[in-house]
Amino acid sequence: MNSNGKNGSNGDYAAGGEPILCIRNLKKTYMQGKIPLHALNDVSFDVQKGELLSIVGPSGSGKSTLLSMIGLLDRPTDGSVFINGVEITRAKESEAPRIRREKIGFVFQHFNLLSTLTAMENVDIAMRFTGTSKNRRKERAFELLSMVGLGDRLKHKPSELSGGQQQRIAIARALANEPAIILADEPTGAVDTKTREVIVELLKSLSKKGQTIIVVTHDMDVARQTDRIISMRDGMIASDTGVKGNEEHGL
């Protein structure tokens, strides 16, 4: 898919070839009685492989709606989302779970771990419906948990772990099926400042290894550590800039 959106990626990624994610003229309108509410209004941008992008904006600006469209958790009123050149917005409802499982990893503010399962089992379960063998799932879960610094917490349940450790399990789970994109919704919102830095450094490390990550956050300290910031307001992109240009936009 050629890059022809209104809000392309910043210059640092211009030489990266075809974008891994293309958003084209995305719109989402809800009806409040007879009054239309435009949650997204003609949003277009590209994201390159390995980019660590943050989306910021006040409550009601459209950033969470945008994440839902990319994650195929909701459908746009108009416009398209392409991942690796394949349009996912026209997929049948029956295909949506497979697309989410294979192409998208999710990280949530409150971790969304299963309390009765161990760290290993919480990562393993993400691979249960992919045809991956039991032995390979176990190997993969161990590899990922070791990578996020929890190789010594494999058999611990969420209640036995700190918030930061739980979020690292959630990140390992999001990586389990080698997704094209990780969508992180306020990933540091439920942890303290010290732990926040650990999570951000982990996301930056993953990005440097080629993992594409989109972070929705209210925390500008987190946003400033990403490669690029998209600021949203009233369902539209107010600014789209690399971190070096943040001062120009009052960020």
Protein backbone atom coordinates (compact mmCIF):
# COMPACT_ATOMS: atom_id res chain seq x y z
CA MET A 1 0.00 0.00 0.00
CA ASN A 2 1.46 3.32 -1.01
CA SER A 3 1.81 6.06 1.57
CA ASN A 4 -0.64 8.74 0.51
CA GLY A 5 -2.39 9.67 3.74
CA LYS A 6 -2.70 13.20 5.07
CA ASN A 7 -0.54 12.48 8.06
CA GLY A 8 2.44 10.37 7.06
CA SER A 9 5.06 9.01 9.39
CA ASN A 10 7.96 11.21 10.45
CA GLY A 11 11.14 11.43 8.43
CA ASP A 12 13.09 8.95 10.57
CA TYR A 13 10.96 6.14 9.10
CA ALA A 14 10.52 7.41 5.54
CA ALA A 15 13.11 4.99 4.22
CA GLY A 16 11.55 1.96 5.89
CA GLY A 17 9.65 0.75 2.81
CA GLU A 18 5.95 0.00 2.78
CA PRO A 19 4.25 0.92 6.08
CA ILE A 20 3.11 -1.92 8.30
CA LEU A 21 -0.08 -0.01 9.20
CA CYS A 22 -2.10 2.34 6.98
CA ILE A 23 -5.09 4.31 8.26
CA ARG A 24 -7.14 5.88 5.49
CA ASN A 25 -9.92 8.46 5.97
CA LEU A 26 -11.19 6.73 9.09
CA LYS A 27 -14.52 7.91 10.44
CA LYS A 28 -16.70 6.76 13.33
CA THR A 29 -20.06 8.32 14.03
CA TYR A 30 -22.34 7.41 16.92
CA MET A 31 -25.92 8.58 17.19
CA GLN A 32 -27.11 10.20 20.41
CA GLY A 33 -30.79 10.13 19.69
CA LYS A 34 -31.01 12.03 16.40
CA ILE A 35 -27.72 13.87 16.95
CA PRO A 36 -24.58 12.46 15.28
CA LEU A 37 -21.42 12.34 17.40
CA HIS A 38 -18.25 12.21 15.32
CA ALA A 39 -15.78 10.21 17.42
CA LEU A 40 -13.35 10.02 14.47
CA ASN A 41 -13.41 12.46 11.58
CA ASP A 42 -11.33 11.61 8.50
CA VAL A 43 -8.17 10.30 10.22
CA SER A 44 -5.27 9.14 8.01
CA PHE A 45 -1.68 8.19 8.84
CA ASP A 46 0.95 5.47 8.31
CA VAL A 47 3.10 3.56 10.79
CA GLN A 48 6.40 1.93 9.84
CA LYS A 49 7.69 -1.40 11.12
CA GLY A 50 9.55 -1.00 14.41
CA GLU A 51 8.02 2.39 15.16
CA LEU A 52 7.07 3.23 18.74
CA LEU A 53 4.16 5.63 18.38
CA SER A 54 2.15 7.32 21.11
CA ILE A 55 -1.36 8.72 20.71
CA VAL A 56 -2.33 11.44 23.15
CA GLY A 57 -5.25 13.79 23.69
CA PRO A 58 -7.93 14.74 26.21
CA SER A 59 -10.80 12.42 27.13
CA GLY A 60 -13.23 12.24 24.25
CA SER A 61 -10.60 13.18 21.65
CA GLY A 62 -11.00 9.87 19.80
CA LYS A 63 -7.77 8.11 20.73
CA SER A 64 -9.43 5.06 22.34
CA THR A 65 -11.92 4.84 19.48
CA LEU A 66 -9.01 4.85 17.05
CA LEU A 67 -7.31 2.03 18.95
CA SER A 68 -10.53 0.01 18.81
CA MET A 69 -10.70 0.45 15.03
CA ILE A 70 -7.10 -0.69 14.56
CA GLY A 71 -7.66 -3.64 16.90
CA LEU A 72 -10.83 -4.68 15.09
CA LEU A 73 -12.77 -4.37 18.34
CA ASP A 74 -15.18 -1.99 16.58
CA ARG A 75 -15.94 -1.11 12.98
CA PRO A 76 -15.57 2.32 11.40
CA THR A 77 -18.47 4.16 9.81
CA ASP A 78 -16.20 4.80 6.84
CA GLY A 79 -12.54 4.49 5.90
CA SER A 80 -10.03 1.65 6.02
CA VAL A 81 -7.32 0.04 8.14
CA PHE A 82 -4.59 -1.96 6.38
CA ILE A 83 -2.05 -4.20 8.14
CA ASN A 84 0.82 -5.34 5.91
CA GLY A 85 -1.19 -4.21 2.90
CA VAL A 86 -4.28 -6.25 3.80
CA GLU A 87 -7.47 -4.39 4.61
CA ILE A 88 -8.90 -5.68 7.88
CA THR A 89 -11.91 -3.36 8.12
CA ARG A 90 -13.86 -5.38 5.54
CA ALA A 91 -13.22 -8.71 7.23
CA LYS A 92 -16.24 -10.82 8.14
CA GLU A 93 -17.21 -10.94 11.81
CA SER A 94 -16.28 -14.63 11.84
CA GLU A 95 -12.74 -13.75 10.69
CA ALA A 96 -12.13 -10.98 13.22
CA PRO A 97 -10.94 -13.21 16.12
CA ARG A 98 -8.36 -14.89 13.88
CA ILE A 99 -7.06 -11.55 12.60
CA ARG A 100 -6.75 -10.18 16.13
CA ARG A 101 -5.03 -13.36 17.29
CA GLU A 102 -2.54 -13.47 14.42
CA LYS A 103 -1.81 -9.81 13.69
CA ILE A 104 -2.44 -7.80 16.87
CA GLY A 105 -1.20 -8.03 20.44
CA PHE A 106 -3.09 -6.16 23.17
CA VAL A 107 -1.74 -4.67 26.40
CA PHE A 108 -4.27 -3.11 28.79
CA GLN A 109 -4.02 -0.70 31.70
CA HIS A 110 -5.26 -3.25 34.23
CA PHE A 111 -3.33 -6.20 32.77
CA ASN A 112 -6.38 -8.48 32.13
CA LEU A 113 -4.53 -11.55 33.33
CA LEU A 114 -6.47 -14.66 34.39
CA SER A 115 -6.14 -14.80 38.17
CA THR A 116 -6.30 -18.61 38.42
CA LEU A 117 -3.44 -19.15 35.97
CA THR A 118 0.32 -18.88 36.49
CA ALA A 119 2.53 -16.50 34.52
CA MET A 120 3.42 -19.35 32.14
CA GLU A 121 -0.20 -20.32 31.66
CA ASN A 122 -1.28 -16.72 31.02
CA VAL A 123 1.19 -16.52 28.13
CA ASP A 124 0.49 -20.05 26.92
CA ILE A 125 -3.25 -19.44 26.63
CA ALA A 126 -2.71 -16.81 23.94
CA MET A 127 -1.34 -19.58 21.69
CA ARG A 128 -3.92 -22.28 22.43
CA PHE A 129 -5.98 -21.75 19.26
CA THR A 130 -3.14 -21.22 16.79
CA GLY A 131 -2.22 -24.83 16.14
CA THR A 132 1.05 -24.43 18.06
CA SER A 133 2.11 -27.63 19.81
CA LYS A 134 2.02 -27.83 23.60
CA ASN A 135 5.80 -28.17 23.82
CA ARG A 136 6.40 -25.18 21.55
CA ARG A 137 3.88 -23.09 23.53
CA LYS A 138 5.77 -23.92 26.71
CA GLU A 139 9.11 -23.04 25.11
CA ARG A 140 7.74 -19.79 23.70
CA ALA A 141 6.18 -18.76 27.04
CA PHE A 142 9.47 -19.42 28.83
CA GLU A 143 11.43 -17.44 26.21
CA LEU A 144 9.12 -14.45 26.44
CA LEU A 145 8.88 -14.38 30.23
CA SER A 146 12.67 -14.63 30.46
CA MET A 147 12.98 -11.78 27.96
CA VAL A 148 10.82 -9.50 30.12
CA GLY A 149 12.81 -10.42 33.23
CA LEU A 150 10.39 -12.90 34.79
CA GLY A 151 12.16 -16.19 34.17
CA ASP A 152 12.11 -16.79 37.92
CA ARG A 153 8.36 -16.12 38.30
CA LEU A 154 7.00 -18.71 35.88
CA LYS A 155 4.74 -20.48 38.36
CA HIS A 156 3.52 -17.39 40.21
CA LYS A 157 -0.09 -16.29 39.88
CA PRO A 158 -0.99 -12.60 39.36
CA SER A 159 -1.92 -12.08 43.02
CA GLU A 160 1.63 -13.07 43.98
CA LEU A 161 3.21 -10.45 41.72
CA SER A 162 3.57 -6.67 41.68
CA GLY A 163 1.69 -4.48 39.22
CA GLY A 164 4.83 -4.01 37.15
CA GLN A 165 5.46 -7.74 37.01
CA GLN A 166 1.87 -8.35 35.95
CA GLN A 167 2.19 -5.81 33.16
CA ARG A 168 5.36 -7.49 31.95
CA ILE A 169 3.46 -10.80 31.79
CA ALA A 170 0.78 -8.99 29.78
CA ILE A 171 3.44 -7.73 27.35
CA ALA A 172 4.89 -11.25 27.03
CA ARG A 173 1.38 -12.54 26.31
CA ALA A 174 0.87 -9.84 23.66
CA LEU A 175 4.07 -11.00 21.92
CA ALA A 176 3.17 -14.69 22.00
CA ASN A 177 1.86 -14.99 18.44
CA GLU A 178 4.46 -12.66 16.92
CA PRO A 179 1.93 -9.94 16.05
CA ALA A 180 2.53 -7.30 13.42
CA ILE A 181 1.43 -4.62 15.87
CA ILE A 182 1.08 -4.27 19.63
CA LEU A 183 -1.67 -1.94 20.84
CA ALA A 184 -1.03 -0.72 24.39
CA ASP A 185 -3.89 1.16 26.06
CA GLU A 186 -2.52 3.18 29.01
CA PRO A 187 0.09 0.48 29.77
CA THR A 188 1.65 2.51 32.60
CA GLY A 189 -1.60 3.84 34.06
CA ALA A 190 -1.79 1.36 36.94
CA VAL A 191 1.86 1.33 38.07
CA ASP A 192 4.10 3.65 40.07
CA THR A 193 6.68 6.01 38.57
CA LYS A 194 9.64 3.65 38.99
CA THR A 195 7.76 0.76 37.42
CA ARG A 196 6.54 3.03 34.64
CA GLU A 197 10.14 3.56 33.55
CA VAL A 198 10.74 -0.21 33.49
CA ILE A 199 7.70 -0.72 31.26
CA VAL A 200 8.68 2.14 28.93
CA GLU A 201 12.23 0.83 28.61
CA LEU A 202 10.86 -2.61 27.77
CA LEU A 203 8.63 -1.16 25.04
CA LYS A 204 11.57 0.84 23.65
CA SER A 205 13.73 -2.30 23.63
CA LEU A 206 11.05 -4.25 21.75
CA SER A 207 10.73 -1.44 19.22
CA LYS A 208 14.48 -1.46 18.58
CA LYS A 209 14.17 -5.18 17.78
CA GLY A 210 11.57 -4.38 15.11
CA GLN A 211 8.30 -4.68 17.00
CA THR A 212 5.74 -2.04 16.01
CA ILE A 213 3.98 -0.57 19.06
CA ILE A 214 1.17 1.97 19.40
CA VAL A 215 0.64 3.40 22.88
CA VAL A 216 -2.41 5.38 23.95
CA THR A 217 -1.48 7.43 26.99
CA HIS A 218 -2.40 10.47 29.07
CA ASP A 219 1.15 10.59 30.42
CA MET A 220 3.29 13.01 28.42
CA ASP A 221 6.43 11.76 30.19
CA VAL A 222 5.73 8.41 28.53
CA ALA A 223 4.80 9.97 25.18
CA ARG A 224 8.03 12.00 25.02
CA GLN A 225 10.03 8.78 25.13
CA THR A 226 8.41 7.39 21.99
CA ASP A 227 9.59 7.91 18.42
CA ARG A 228 6.54 9.89 17.40
CA ILE A 229 3.48 11.51 18.95
CA ILE A 230 0.06 11.88 17.37
CA SER A 231 -2.06 14.36 19.29
CA MET A 232 -5.81 14.07 18.82
CA ARG A 233 -8.60 16.54 19.45
CA ASP A 234 -12.30 16.37 18.57
CA GLY A 235 -11.85 13.16 16.59
CA MET A 236 -9.11 14.58 14.38
CA ILE A 237 -5.31 14.64 14.34
CA ALA A 238 -4.20 17.96 15.82
CA SER A 239 -0.49 17.25 15.31
CA ASP A 240 1.76 14.42 14.18
CA THR A 241 5.41 14.86 15.04
CA GLY A 242 8.62 13.16 16.01
CA VAL A 243 9.77 13.78 19.57
CA LYS A 244 12.38 16.34 18.45
CA GLY A 245 9.56 18.55 17.22
CA ASN A 246 7.36 18.35 20.29
CA GLU A 247 8.18 21.84 21.50
CA GLU A 248 6.57 23.25 18.38
CA HIS A 249 3.26 21.76 19.43
CA GLY A 250 3.45 22.62 23.11
CA LEU A 251 4.09 19.03 24.09
